Protein backbone atom coordinates (compact mmCIF):
# COMPACT_ATOMS: atom_id res chain seq x y z
CA MET A 1 -23.77 -7.14 -11.29
CA LEU A 2 -24.37 -3.42 -10.99
CA ARG A 3 -26.80 -1.48 -13.13
CA ALA A 4 -26.44 2.21 -13.92
CA SER A 5 -29.59 3.01 -11.97
CA GLU A 6 -28.12 1.35 -8.89
CA LEU A 7 -25.12 3.64 -9.03
CA GLY A 8 -27.15 6.76 -8.42
CA SER A 9 -26.91 8.18 -11.94
CA SER A 10 -28.67 7.77 -15.24
CA ASP A 11 -25.52 8.88 -17.02
CA PRO A 12 -22.63 6.42 -16.57
CA ASN A 13 -20.17 8.90 -18.06
CA ARG A 14 -20.76 11.75 -15.68
CA ASP A 15 -17.78 13.47 -14.06
CA GLU A 16 -19.44 14.11 -10.70
CA PRO A 17 -19.52 11.82 -7.65
CA PRO A 18 -22.90 10.41 -6.60
CA GLU A 19 -24.97 12.38 -4.17
CA GLY A 20 -26.30 11.01 -0.96
CA GLY A 21 -23.79 8.19 -0.60
CA SER A 22 -22.80 6.53 2.60
CA SER A 23 -21.07 8.53 5.23
CA GLY A 24 -17.76 6.88 4.60
CA ALA A 25 -16.46 5.69 7.95
CA ARG A 26 -18.72 4.01 10.46
CA PRO A 27 -18.63 5.15 14.08
CA ALA A 28 -16.49 2.23 15.20
CA SER A 29 -13.73 2.69 17.73
CA VAL A 30 -10.11 2.85 16.66
CA ALA A 31 -9.34 0.07 19.13
CA ARG A 32 -11.84 -2.29 17.53
CA ASN A 33 -10.65 -1.39 14.04
CA THR A 34 -7.06 -1.95 15.08
CA PHE A 35 -8.00 -5.35 16.50
CA TRP A 36 -9.59 -6.51 13.25
CA SER A 37 -6.83 -4.97 11.17
CA LEU A 38 -4.27 -6.69 13.37
CA ALA A 39 -6.17 -9.93 12.94
CA ALA A 40 -6.15 -9.45 9.16
CA GLU A 41 -2.45 -8.66 8.94
CA GLY A 42 -1.63 -11.32 11.51
CA MET A 43 -3.43 -14.06 9.60
CA ARG A 44 -1.94 -12.81 6.35
CA LEU A 45 1.61 -12.84 7.63
CA VAL A 46 1.37 -15.98 9.78
CA SER A 47 -0.06 -17.96 6.88
CA GLY A 48 2.45 -16.23 4.62
CA LEU A 49 5.23 -17.33 6.96
CA GLY A 50 4.02 -20.92 6.73
CA THR A 51 3.88 -20.64 2.94
CA PHE A 52 7.34 -19.09 2.91
CA LEU A 53 8.81 -21.88 5.05
CA ILE A 54 7.44 -24.44 2.61
CA LEU A 55 8.60 -22.58 -0.51
CA VAL A 56 12.18 -22.21 0.73
CA ARG A 57 12.27 -25.99 1.15
CA VAL A 58 10.98 -26.48 -2.38
CA TYR A 59 13.06 -23.84 -4.18
CA GLU A 60 16.73 -23.02 -3.71
CA PRO A 61 17.76 -19.41 -2.88
CA ARG A 62 18.64 -18.59 -6.50
CA LEU A 63 15.16 -19.52 -7.81
CA PHE A 64 13.46 -17.91 -4.84
CA GLY A 65 15.40 -14.69 -5.45
CA ILE A 66 14.34 -14.64 -9.13
CA PHE A 67 10.72 -15.19 -8.13
CA VAL A 68 10.77 -12.36 -5.57
CA ALA A 69 12.55 -10.01 -7.99
CA THR A 70 9.97 -10.69 -10.70
CA THR A 71 7.13 -10.15 -8.23
CA GLY A 72 8.81 -6.92 -7.15
CA VAL A 73 8.87 -5.57 -10.71
CA PHE A 74 5.10 -5.94 -11.01
CA ALA A 75 4.48 -4.78 -7.43
CA PHE A 76 6.35 -1.57 -8.24
CA ALA A 77 4.45 -1.08 -11.49
CA PHE A 78 0.98 -1.70 -10.05
CA PRO A 79 0.40 1.79 -8.52
CA GLN A 80 1.34 3.37 -11.87
CA ALA A 81 -0.73 0.89 -13.88
CA SER A 82 -3.83 1.32 -11.69
CA VAL A 83 -3.26 5.09 -11.43
CA GLY A 84 -3.57 4.93 -7.63
CA ALA A 85 -7.03 3.32 -7.82
CA GLY A 86 -7.05 1.93 -4.28
CA TRP A 87 -6.07 5.18 -2.58
CA LEU A 88 -8.57 7.03 -4.74
CA VAL A 89 -11.29 4.67 -3.44
CA LEU A 90 -10.19 5.35 0.15
CA ARG A 91 -10.31 9.11 -0.33
CA ARG A 92 -13.62 9.16 -2.19
CA VAL A 93 -15.49 6.90 0.22
CA ALA A 94 -13.93 8.12 3.50
CA SER A 95 -13.98 11.88 2.93
CA GLU A 96 -16.12 12.62 -0.15
CA ASN A 97 -19.17 10.44 0.60
CA TRP A 98 -18.99 8.29 -2.53
CA ARG A 99 -20.88 5.01 -2.51
CA PRO A 100 -18.38 2.12 -2.21
CA GLU A 101 -19.88 0.34 -5.24
CA GLU A 102 -19.48 3.41 -7.42
CA ALA A 103 -15.91 4.08 -6.31
CA LEU A 104 -14.95 0.42 -6.83
CA SER A 105 -16.57 0.26 -10.25
CA ARG A 106 -14.43 3.16 -11.48
CA ALA A 107 -11.33 1.76 -9.77
CA PHE A 108 -11.75 -1.71 -11.29
CA GLY A 109 -11.81 -0.19 -14.75
CA MET A 110 -8.54 1.61 -13.96
CA VAL A 111 -6.94 -1.64 -12.78
CA PHE A 112 -8.00 -3.65 -15.85
CA LEU A 113 -7.02 -1.02 -18.40
CA GLY A 114 -3.76 0.05 -16.77
CA GLY A 115 -2.78 -3.48 -15.81
CA ALA A 116 -3.20 -4.74 -19.36
CA VAL A 117 -1.23 -1.89 -20.93
CA VAL A 118 1.63 -1.79 -18.42
CA GLY A 119 1.75 -5.58 -18.09
CA ILE A 120 2.24 -6.04 -21.82
CA GLY A 121 4.97 -3.42 -21.76
CA LEU A 122 6.82 -5.14 -18.91
CA VAL A 123 6.62 -8.51 -20.64
CA ALA A 124 8.12 -6.93 -23.76
CA LEU A 125 10.94 -5.47 -21.62
CA ARG A 126 11.63 -8.74 -19.79
CA PRO A 127 14.93 -9.44 -21.64
CA LEU A 128 16.23 -6.08 -20.37
CA LEU A 129 14.71 -6.11 -16.88
CA LEU A 130 15.12 -9.71 -15.74
CA PRO A 131 16.38 -12.08 -18.44
CA GLU A 132 16.82 -14.71 -15.71
CA ALA A 133 13.00 -15.04 -15.45
CA SER A 134 11.20 -17.17 -18.04
CA LEU A 135 8.41 -15.76 -20.20
CA ALA A 136 5.85 -18.09 -18.58
CA LEU A 137 6.90 -16.92 -15.12
CA PHE A 138 6.66 -13.27 -16.16
CA LEU A 139 3.20 -13.70 -17.69
CA GLY A 140 1.85 -15.65 -14.72
CA ILE A 141 3.12 -13.22 -12.11
CA GLY A 142 1.88 -10.31 -14.21
CA ILE A 143 -1.69 -11.67 -14.28
CA SER A 144 -1.58 -12.48 -10.58
CA GLU A 145 -0.01 -9.24 -9.31
CA MET A 146 -1.24 -6.63 -11.80
CA ILE A 147 -4.83 -7.80 -12.16
CA LEU A 148 -6.11 -10.30 -9.59
CA ILE A 149 -4.27 -9.35 -6.40
CA GLY A 150 -4.51 -5.72 -7.49
CA LEU A 151 -8.30 -5.97 -7.61
CA VAL A 152 -8.34 -7.62 -4.18
CA GLU A 153 -6.23 -4.80 -2.71
CA VAL A 154 -8.46 -2.13 -4.25
CA THR A 155 -11.56 -3.84 -2.83
CA LEU A 156 -10.00 -3.88 0.63
CA PHE A 157 -9.36 -0.15 0.41
CA ALA A 158 -13.15 0.18 0.30
CA ALA A 159 -13.33 -2.03 3.41
CA GLN A 160 -10.90 0.35 5.14
CA ALA A 161 -12.90 3.40 4.07
CA THR A 162 -16.15 1.97 5.44
CA GLU A 163 -14.34 0.52 8.47
CA LYS A 164 -15.37 -3.06 7.64
CA LEU A 165 -12.11 -4.38 9.01
CA ILE A 166 -13.70 -7.73 9.86
CA ALA A 167 -14.25 -8.26 6.12
CA LYS A 168 -10.60 -7.51 5.50
CA ALA A 169 -9.59 -10.02 8.17
CA ALA A 170 -11.76 -12.70 6.55
CA VAL A 171 -10.37 -12.00 3.08
CA TRP A 172 -6.70 -12.12 4.06
CA THR A 173 -7.34 -15.24 6.16
CA THR A 174 -8.89 -16.97 3.15
CA PHE A 175 -6.09 -15.81 0.89
CA GLY A 176 -3.36 -16.90 3.30
CA VAL A 177 -4.88 -20.30 4.05
CA GLY A 178 -5.50 -20.91 0.33
CA ARG A 179 -1.88 -20.16 -0.56
CA LEU A 180 -0.65 -22.26 2.35
CA VAL A 181 -2.71 -25.27 1.23
CA ALA A 182 -1.50 -24.81 -2.36
CA ALA A 183 2.16 -24.63 -1.27
CA LEU A 184 1.75 -27.69 0.93
CA ALA A 185 0.16 -29.64 -1.93
CA ILE A 186 3.05 -28.74 -4.24
CA PHE A 187 5.57 -29.77 -1.56
CA LEU A 188 3.90 -33.13 -0.92
CA VAL A 189 2.97 -34.11 -4.49
CA LEU A 190 5.81 -32.85 -6.70
CA ASP A 191 9.52 -33.60 -6.35
CA GLU A 192 11.15 -30.66 -8.18
CA PRO A 193 8.34 -28.36 -9.31
CA ASP A 194 8.96 -25.42 -11.60
CA LEU A 195 8.16 -21.92 -10.34
CA SER A 196 5.32 -21.69 -12.86
CA VAL A 197 3.44 -24.38 -10.87
CA TRP A 198 3.37 -22.15 -7.81
CA VAL A 199 2.36 -19.12 -9.90
CA GLY A 200 -0.54 -21.05 -11.43
CA ALA A 201 -1.79 -22.14 -8.00
CA ASN A 202 -1.53 -18.54 -6.82
CA ILE A 203 -3.73 -17.39 -9.72
CA LEU A 204 -6.47 -19.87 -8.82
CA VAL A 205 -6.46 -18.83 -5.18
CA SER A 206 -6.55 -15.14 -6.16
CA VAL A 207 -9.68 -15.59 -8.31
CA VAL A 208 -11.58 -17.19 -5.43
CA VAL A 209 -10.43 -14.54 -2.94
CA LEU A 210 -11.41 -11.70 -5.30
CA ILE A 211 -15.00 -12.96 -5.42
CA ILE A 212 -15.14 -13.33 -1.63
CA ALA A 213 -13.68 -9.84 -1.09
CA GLN A 214 -16.38 -8.16 -3.19
CA LEU A 215 -19.21 -10.09 -1.55
CA LEU A 216 -18.01 -9.25 1.96
CA THR A 217 -17.25 -5.58 1.25
CA VAL A 218 -20.19 -4.43 -0.90
CA GLY A 219 -22.45 -7.49 -0.97
CA ARG A 220 -22.24 -8.07 -4.73
CA LEU A 221 -19.87 -8.47 -7.65
CA VAL A 222 -18.76 -5.13 -9.04
CA ARG A 223 -18.86 -4.46 -12.77
CA PRO A 224 -15.82 -2.51 -13.98
CA ARG A 225 -16.55 0.79 -15.70
CA TRP A 226 -14.38 2.55 -18.21
CA PRO A 227 -12.30 5.13 -16.28
CA LEU A 228 -12.87 8.82 -16.94
CA MET A 229 -10.26 11.53 -17.28
CA LEU A 230 -11.39 12.73 -13.84
CA ASP A 231 -10.32 9.39 -12.34
CA ILE A 232 -6.94 9.44 -14.04
CA ARG A 233 -6.30 13.08 -13.17
CA GLN A 234 -7.11 12.56 -9.49
CA GLY A 235 -5.30 9.23 -9.27
CA ILE A 236 -1.97 10.24 -10.83
CA PRO A 237 -0.54 11.83 -7.63
CA PHE A 238 -1.29 8.63 -5.72
CA SER A 239 0.22 6.41 -8.41
CA VAL A 240 3.45 8.39 -8.65
CA GLY A 241 3.89 8.76 -4.90
CA PHE A 242 3.17 5.21 -3.85
CA GLY A 243 4.97 3.85 -6.90
CA ALA A 244 8.11 5.63 -5.73
CA ASP A 245 7.51 4.22 -2.24
CA ARG A 246 7.39 0.71 -3.64
CA LEU A 247 10.53 1.43 -5.65
CA ARG A 248 12.41 1.72 -2.35
CA ASN A 249 11.04 -1.66 -1.30
CA VAL A 250 11.76 -3.65 -4.47
CA SER A 251 14.77 -2.05 -6.16
CA ASP A 252 17.24 -3.78 -3.83
CA THR A 253 16.12 -7.32 -4.70
CA VAL A 254 15.94 -6.59 -8.43
CA MET A 255 19.43 -5.05 -8.43
CA LEU A 256 20.87 -7.95 -6.44
CA VAL A 257 19.68 -10.29 -9.19
CA ARG A 258 20.82 -8.01 -12.01
CA PHE A 259 24.33 -7.70 -10.50
CA GLY A 260 24.61 -11.48 -10.29
CA PHE A 261 23.91 -11.87 -6.54
CA ASP A 262 21.05 -14.36 -7.07
CA THR A 263 21.72 -16.20 -3.81
CA ASP A 264 22.07 -12.94 -1.89
CA ALA A 265 18.70 -11.89 -3.34
CA GLY A 266 17.12 -15.05 -1.99
CA LEU A 267 18.66 -14.58 1.47
CA TYR A 268 17.71 -10.89 1.53
CA SER A 269 14.11 -11.64 0.47
CA ALA A 270 13.78 -14.40 3.06
CA ALA A 271 15.00 -12.09 5.84
CA ARG A 272 12.68 -9.31 4.65
CA ARG A 273 9.68 -11.62 4.89
CA LEU A 274 10.57 -12.62 8.43
CA ILE A 275 11.02 -8.94 9.36
CA ASN A 276 7.56 -8.22 7.90
CA VAL A 277 6.03 -10.53 10.50
CA ALA A 278 7.45 -8.32 13.26
CA GLN A 279 6.01 -5.20 11.57
CA THR A 280 2.45 -6.51 11.64
CA PRO A 281 1.17 -4.28 14.52
CA ILE A 282 2.39 -1.11 12.77
CA ILE A 283 0.77 -2.03 9.46
CA ALA A 284 -2.45 -3.05 11.23
CA THR A 285 -2.63 0.28 13.07
CA GLN A 286 -2.15 2.17 9.80
CA HIS A 287 -4.92 0.29 8.02
CA ALA A 288 -7.27 0.74 10.98
CA THR A 289 -6.74 4.51 11.13
CA ASN A 290 -6.44 5.55 7.46
CA ALA A 291 -10.07 6.65 7.30
CA ARG A 292 -9.72 8.60 10.57
CA LEU A 293 -6.67 10.43 9.22
CA PHE A 294 -8.59 11.45 6.10
CA GLN A 295 -11.44 12.72 8.27
CA ALA A 296 -9.02 14.69 10.47
CA GLY A 297 -7.32 16.05 7.36
CA SER A 298 -10.60 17.40 6.06
CA GLU A 299 -10.78 19.56 9.21
CA SER A 300 -7.22 20.90 9.43
CA VAL A 301 -3.58 19.96 9.02
CA ALA A 302 -2.97 20.61 12.71
CA SER A 303 -5.59 18.11 13.88
CA CYS A 304 -4.28 15.56 11.38
CA ARG A 305 -0.72 16.02 12.66
CA ARG A 306 -1.85 15.62 16.27
CA LEU A 307 -3.46 12.31 15.41
CA ALA A 308 -0.37 11.25 13.43
CA MET A 309 1.91 12.05 16.36
CA ARG A 310 -0.19 9.97 18.76
CA LEU A 311 -0.22 7.06 16.32
CA THR A 312 3.53 7.39 15.71
CA ALA A 313 4.22 7.21 19.45
CA LEU A 314 2.27 3.95 19.57
CA ALA A 315 4.02 2.66 16.45
CA VAL A 316 7.46 3.43 17.91
CA LEU A 317 6.60 1.20 20.87
CA PHE A 318 5.61 -1.51 18.39
CA GLY A 319 8.88 -0.94 16.52
CA PHE A 320 10.95 -1.34 19.67
CA ALA A 321 9.05 -4.52 20.54
CA ALA A 322 9.69 -5.79 17.01
CA MET A 323 13.44 -5.25 17.43
CA LEU A 324 13.35 -7.29 20.64
CA ALA A 325 11.33 -10.02 18.93
CA ILE A 326 13.85 -10.20 16.09
CA ALA A 327 16.71 -10.51 18.58
CA LEU A 328 14.95 -13.22 20.61
CA LEU A 329 13.11 -15.21 17.94
CA GLY A 330 15.24 -14.65 14.86
CA ARG A 331 17.54 -17.62 15.43
CA PRO A 332 14.72 -20.12 16.18
CA LEU A 333 12.88 -19.01 13.02
CA VAL A 334 15.99 -19.36 10.87
CA SER A 335 16.50 -22.88 12.21
CA LEU A 336 13.23 -23.84 10.49
CA LEU A 337 14.71 -23.02 7.08
CA SER A 338 16.82 -25.34 4.98
CA ASP A 339 20.61 -25.33 5.26
CA SER A 340 20.95 -23.18 2.13
CA TYR A 341 19.30 -20.32 4.07
CA ARG A 342 21.51 -20.53 7.17
CA ASP A 343 22.89 -16.99 6.62
CA VAL A 344 19.43 -15.39 6.86
CA GLY A 345 19.94 -14.79 10.59
CA GLN A 346 22.85 -12.43 9.91
CA VAL A 347 20.77 -10.52 7.36
CA MET A 348 17.96 -10.16 9.91
CA VAL A 349 20.33 -8.62 12.46
CA TRP A 350 21.27 -5.95 9.92
CA MET A 351 17.59 -5.37 9.13
CA SER A 352 16.40 -5.18 12.74
CA PHE A 353 16.01 -1.37 12.57
CA LEU A 354 13.48 -1.54 9.72
CA PRO A 355 10.37 -1.71 11.98
CA MET A 356 11.47 1.47 13.77
CA MET A 357 12.03 3.23 10.45
CA LEU A 358 8.56 2.15 9.31
CA ALA A 359 7.04 3.52 12.53
CA LEU A 360 8.64 6.93 12.02
CA GLU A 361 7.49 7.41 8.44
CA THR A 362 4.08 5.72 8.15
CA PHE A 363 1.72 8.16 9.87
CA ALA A 364 3.58 11.32 8.93
CA GLY A 365 3.19 10.33 5.28
CA MET A 366 -0.48 9.52 5.67
CA ALA A 367 -1.05 12.84 7.48
CA LEU A 368 0.36 14.75 4.49
CA THR A 369 -1.80 12.78 2.08
CA ALA A 370 -4.96 13.11 4.17
CA SER A 371 -4.57 16.85 4.74
CA GLY A 372 -4.19 17.79 1.08
CA HIS A 373 -0.39 17.88 0.76
CA HIS A 374 0.05 14.62 -1.12
CA GLY A 375 2.03 16.37 -3.83
CA ARG A 376 4.78 17.13 -1.35
CA ARG A 377 4.74 13.53 -0.16
CA VAL A 378 5.15 12.47 -3.79
CA ALA A 379 8.17 14.76 -4.15
CA LEU A 380 9.76 13.25 -1.03
CA ASN A 381 9.00 9.75 -2.30
CA LEU A 382 10.69 10.49 -5.61
CA LEU A 383 13.69 12.03 -3.86
CA THR A 384 14.22 9.13 -1.47
CA GLY A 385 13.49 6.58 -4.19
CA GLY A 386 16.27 8.17 -6.22
CA VAL A 387 18.59 8.13 -3.19
CA ASN A 388 17.81 4.44 -2.68
CA VAL A 389 18.53 3.53 -6.29
CA VAL A 390 21.82 5.47 -6.37
CA LEU A 391 22.99 3.92 -3.10
CA ASN A 392 22.07 0.45 -4.38
CA LEU A 393 24.00 1.04 -7.59
CA VAL A 394 27.07 2.09 -5.60
CA LEU A 395 26.93 -0.36 -2.68
CA ILE A 396 25.50 -3.62 -4.03
CA PRO A 397 28.32 -4.42 -6.52
CA ILE A 398 30.81 -4.10 -3.65
CA HIS A 399 28.93 -5.34 -0.57
CA GLY A 400 26.05 -7.48 -1.88
CA TRP A 401 23.10 -7.76 0.51
CA ARG A 402 24.85 -5.61 3.13
CA GLY A 403 24.91 -2.72 0.67
CA ALA A 404 21.18 -3.23 0.01
CA VAL A 405 20.40 -3.03 3.75
CA VAL A 406 22.45 0.15 4.20
CA ALA A 407 20.73 1.75 1.19
CA THR A 408 17.28 0.87 2.55
CA LEU A 409 17.93 2.20 6.06
CA THR A 410 19.55 5.40 4.80
CA SER A 411 16.75 6.26 2.36
CA SER A 412 14.13 5.49 5.02
CA LEU A 413 15.80 7.88 7.46
CA VAL A 414 15.92 10.62 4.80
CA TYR A 415 12.23 10.00 4.01
CA SER A 416 10.94 10.13 7.59
CA THR A 417 12.95 13.28 8.35
CA GLY A 418 11.56 15.00 5.26
CA LEU A 419 7.98 13.96 6.05
CA TRP A 420 7.95 15.40 9.57
CA ALA A 421 9.69 18.60 8.46
CA THR A 422 7.15 19.07 5.66
CA LEU A 423 4.25 18.38 8.01
CA ALA A 424 5.54 21.03 10.43
CA TRP A 425 5.76 23.49 7.54
CA ALA A 426 2.18 22.67 6.51
CA VAL A 427 0.91 23.39 10.02
CA ARG A 428 2.69 26.75 10.07
CA LYS A 429 1.28 27.59 6.64
CA GLU A 430 -2.20 26.72 7.82
CA ALA A 431 -1.83 29.02 10.84
CA SER A 432 -0.80 31.92 8.59
CA ASP A 433 -3.73 31.22 6.25
CA HIS A 434 -6.18 31.93 9.06
CA GLY A 435 -5.96 35.56 8.05
CA ILE A 436 -8.39 34.78 5.20
CA VAL A 437 -11.87 36.13 5.99
CA ASP A 438 -14.76 33.71 5.59
CA PRO A 439 -16.73 34.91 2.51
CA LEU A 440 -19.89 33.44 4.05
CA ALA A 441 -19.58 35.58 7.21
CA ALA A 442 -21.71 38.35 5.70
CA LEU A 443 -24.55 35.85 5.24
CA HIS A 444 -24.35 34.61 8.82
CA PRO A 445 -27.72 35.29 10.53
CA ARG A 446 -26.08 36.59 13.72
CA GLY A 447 -24.31 39.28 11.91
CA THR A 448 -20.92 40.62 12.13
CA GLY A 449 -18.33 38.09 13.08
CA ASP A 450 -15.08 38.10 11.17
CA ARG A 451 -15.09 34.34 10.95
CA ARG A 452 -11.97 32.61 9.69
CA LEU A 453 -11.80 29.54 7.51
CA SER A 454 -10.08 26.28 8.29
CA PRO A 455 -8.31 24.71 5.31
CA GLY A 456 -10.91 21.91 5.34
CA ARG A 457 -13.76 24.37 4.99
CA MET A 458 -11.93 26.31 2.30
CA GLY A 459 -11.49 23.05 0.40
CA ARG A 460 -15.21 22.36 0.54
CA ILE A 461 -16.03 25.90 -0.59
CA ARG A 462 -13.62 25.61 -3.51
CA GLY A 463 -15.26 22.31 -4.44
CA CYS A 464 -18.71 23.93 -4.48
CA LEU A 465 -17.34 26.72 -6.67
CA GLY A 466 -15.92 24.25 -9.17
CA GLY A 467 -12.38 24.03 -7.82
CA SER A 468 -10.51 21.15 -6.23
CA ARG A 469 -12.54 18.48 -4.43
CA TRP A 470 -9.57 17.60 -2.28
CA PRO A 471 -10.38 18.14 1.40
CA GLY A 472 -8.00 20.17 3.43
CA GLY A 473 -7.40 23.11 1.16
CA ASP A 474 -4.03 22.99 -0.57
CA SER A 475 -4.04 20.12 -3.02
CA SER A 476 -0.43 20.50 -4.02
């Protein structure tokens, strides 16, 4: 457990970050980080695929669709409930030199408080949101997704920030293997288990993994601290933006269930999980380079965009390879499912462009966030989330899962186009801002130079003067 003296402050209620923390990212190569991140995501998704193949043999598409829709409700609500705690940890440790223990302690308090409040509210709204889901199922998934898995994800943001990607690989391997063993036990022991049995097993596995994640990342168990207004104020932009991003990913399944397409929801969710396996290299590259993007963003928007463009070029290659893999391996994978899922192959063909869409949007969005323009990313997220919901409302009642796929691809295209256009605008704005004279030039010992400020340096000066701590200048 952490003591106040170990956190670098005698006052646990202070509003300032600790001085003299770790340097954030270790000098590890991007290639090595990508390898460990790929290993983490690979083990997570391979074990998840095994778990998925077992679950679809235990539960029919209708029940599986209800389970995924319920999980999606809480997955969407988590960024709002935690007030962007994980991304706040990444920013504070990677670019503001916070100690990982201190950042996690604050973030854990945000997860517990927000998760309890929002979780109770969602349970109360269950008859309106998803009356098909039982109260026990809603409560169990709420505890698992909003609290336990949420705390694991926040802890792994600290692993990203300190570039301990090997710890992340170990955590997701343990989590995946634990869930796989639990699913296999349910399949072998019980004839017709209720969904609540699987949820209960998931809770037990999550508790064990949470303990392991903390020990591997910071070497101890972290004591949650009551969040301050500073934490909430800085975390709100992350919570709104990434909450809207998750809305695009979960609204389709929820609406399929609400419009009476329970079986379509199960088929759609099964295809989405198989597609996620093909997207593993893109996700791994993002997780391996998040800290580097924040560091580049603290220097300038232009340098951050250059890095994002290089990473996007690599991700596009991964996306093209994923499309080929779906075309070649989709049918053999579908053959492993039960007969009630035989139409999943057709859904996967429609979804085969999703990896390419993910490649085009991932690093442009992170470049905006890392360079101090997260507010504009939030606006784009809200816009495209709204487009996705409207398209789902129009298309799903007529076309079922096909309408959901069209809505997802369309909103993703709108989002990626907006991100790159906004990033280009930010670079042009930065170039025009170079007309600002460095106020420290007069104090320079060599005299006269009319030195100009980069946005990163301006951000640090504003922070010293009591302004925004956000690196990269413009915090809008």
